[in-house]
Amino acid sequence: METSKVELAAPGMTKEDFNVRIDEENNLVISMEKKTENKEEKKDGRYLRREFSYSKFQQTMILPENVDKDHISAQVENGVLNIELPKLSEEEVKKPDRTIEVK
């Protein structure tokens, strides 16, 4: 089966930081949200330094007609989000005609 691939650089991100879905218009929606907090404390419990970081990203892609939307897969590896978009064969893309019974 032929596939297309979408790659997105995501240094420091884990699979829990991503949401990959197909919306109601059959578009591929990739969203990412990451919250981090770094703090260094003094011995008496007061903060010497406290840093907050918040990142949010969303990308919507229009999928070609020949993508098999039921078998899209995604994984994060070595700081890269990889999304596999398997393609339907030409026979599967051409929807068979349906005859409607006249009553």
Protein backbone atom coordinates (compact mmCIF):
# COMPACT_ATOMS: atom_id res chain seq x y z
CA MET A 1 0.00 0.00 0.00
CA GLU A 2 1.36 3.38 -0.98
CA THR A 3 1.60 6.01 1.76
CA SER A 4 2.35 9.69 2.15
CA LYS A 5 4.09 11.03 5.22
CA VAL A 6 3.84 14.22 7.24
CA GLU A 7 6.81 15.02 9.49
CA LEU A 8 6.77 17.71 12.16
CA ALA A 9 9.83 18.65 14.24
CA ALA A 10 8.87 18.41 17.90
CA PRO A 11 12.00 18.62 20.08
CA GLY A 12 11.31 17.74 23.71
CA MET A 13 7.72 16.68 23.01
CA THR A 14 6.15 13.35 23.92
CA LYS A 15 3.12 11.57 22.48
CA GLU A 16 1.01 12.93 25.37
CA ASP A 17 1.63 16.49 24.11
CA PHE A 18 -0.07 15.82 20.74
CA ASN A 19 -3.62 15.44 19.50
CA VAL A 20 -4.03 14.24 15.90
CA ARG A 21 -7.58 13.96 14.57
CA ILE A 22 -9.81 14.15 11.51
CA ASP A 23 -12.32 16.98 11.79
CA GLU A 24 -15.91 17.06 10.52
CA GLU A 25 -14.71 18.33 7.11
CA ASN A 26 -12.27 15.41 6.74
CA ASN A 27 -9.22 17.62 7.33
CA LEU A 28 -6.22 16.39 9.31
CA VAL A 29 -5.81 18.51 12.46
CA ILE A 30 -2.53 18.35 14.38
CA SER A 31 -2.41 20.17 17.70
CA MET A 32 0.29 20.32 20.35
CA GLU A 33 0.26 21.73 23.85
CA LYS A 34 3.17 21.71 26.29
CA LYS A 35 3.38 23.24 29.75
CA THR A 36 6.61 23.15 31.72
CA GLU A 37 7.71 24.61 35.01
CA ASN A 38 11.31 24.88 36.19
CA LYS A 39 12.08 26.04 39.68
CA GLU A 40 15.14 26.39 41.85
CA GLU A 41 14.46 26.76 45.58
CA LYS A 42 16.45 28.10 48.47
CA LYS A 43 16.72 25.93 51.54
CA ASP A 44 14.10 27.94 53.43
CA GLY A 45 11.49 27.15 50.74
CA ARG A 46 11.58 30.53 49.01
CA TYR A 47 11.97 30.51 45.27
CA LEU A 48 15.31 31.59 43.94
CA ARG A 49 14.04 31.27 40.37
CA ARG A 50 10.84 29.97 38.82
CA GLU A 51 10.24 29.69 35.07
CA PHE A 52 7.03 28.79 33.28
CA SER A 53 6.86 27.80 29.66
CA TYR A 54 3.71 27.25 27.60
CA SER A 55 3.65 26.24 23.95
CA LYS A 56 0.61 25.72 21.76
CA PHE A 57 0.47 24.86 18.05
CA GLN A 58 -2.27 23.82 15.65
CA GLN A 59 -2.07 22.97 11.96
CA THR A 60 -4.96 21.92 9.72
CA MET A 61 -4.26 20.09 6.46
CA ILE A 62 -6.71 19.33 3.68
CA LEU A 63 -6.38 15.64 2.88
CA PRO A 64 -6.51 14.40 -0.71
CA GLU A 65 -9.49 12.23 -1.67
CA ASN A 66 -7.30 9.15 -2.00
CA VAL A 67 -6.16 9.04 1.65
CA ASP A 68 -7.51 6.09 3.65
CA LYS A 69 -8.76 8.13 6.61
CA ASP A 70 -9.54 5.01 8.66
CA HIS A 71 -5.90 3.86 8.71
CA ILE A 72 -3.90 7.03 9.42
CA SER A 73 -1.25 6.46 12.11
CA ALA A 74 1.01 8.80 14.09
CA GLN A 75 4.05 8.38 16.32
CA VAL A 76 6.67 10.54 18.00
CA GLU A 77 10.27 9.38 17.69
CA ASN A 78 13.54 11.26 18.35
CA GLY A 79 11.79 14.64 18.52
CA VAL A 80 9.83 14.18 15.27
CA LEU A 81 6.08 13.56 14.89
CA ASN A 82 5.55 11.18 11.94
CA ILE A 83 2.07 10.78 10.46
CA GLU A 84 1.51 8.03 7.89
CA LEU A 85 -1.26 8.67 5.35
CA PRO A 86 -2.04 5.44 3.51
CA LYS A 87 -3.50 5.88 0.05
CA LEU A 88 -6.52 4.09 -1.32
CA SER A 89 -6.19 2.29 -4.62
CA GLU A 90 -7.83 3.83 -7.69
CA GLU A 91 -10.60 1.21 -7.48
CA GLU A 92 -11.34 2.15 -3.85
CA VAL A 93 -11.39 5.88 -4.65
CA LYS A 94 -13.98 5.42 -7.40
CA LYS A 95 -17.13 4.87 -5.43
CA PRO A 96 -19.44 2.36 -7.09
CA ASP A 97 -22.73 3.68 -8.39
CA ARG A 98 -25.68 2.88 -6.18
CA THR A 99 -29.03 2.21 -7.70
CA ILE A 100 -31.92 3.47 -5.63
CA GLU A 101 -35.01 1.34 -5.83
CA VAL A 102 -38.08 3.25 -7.00
CA LYS A 103 -41.17 2.17 -5.06
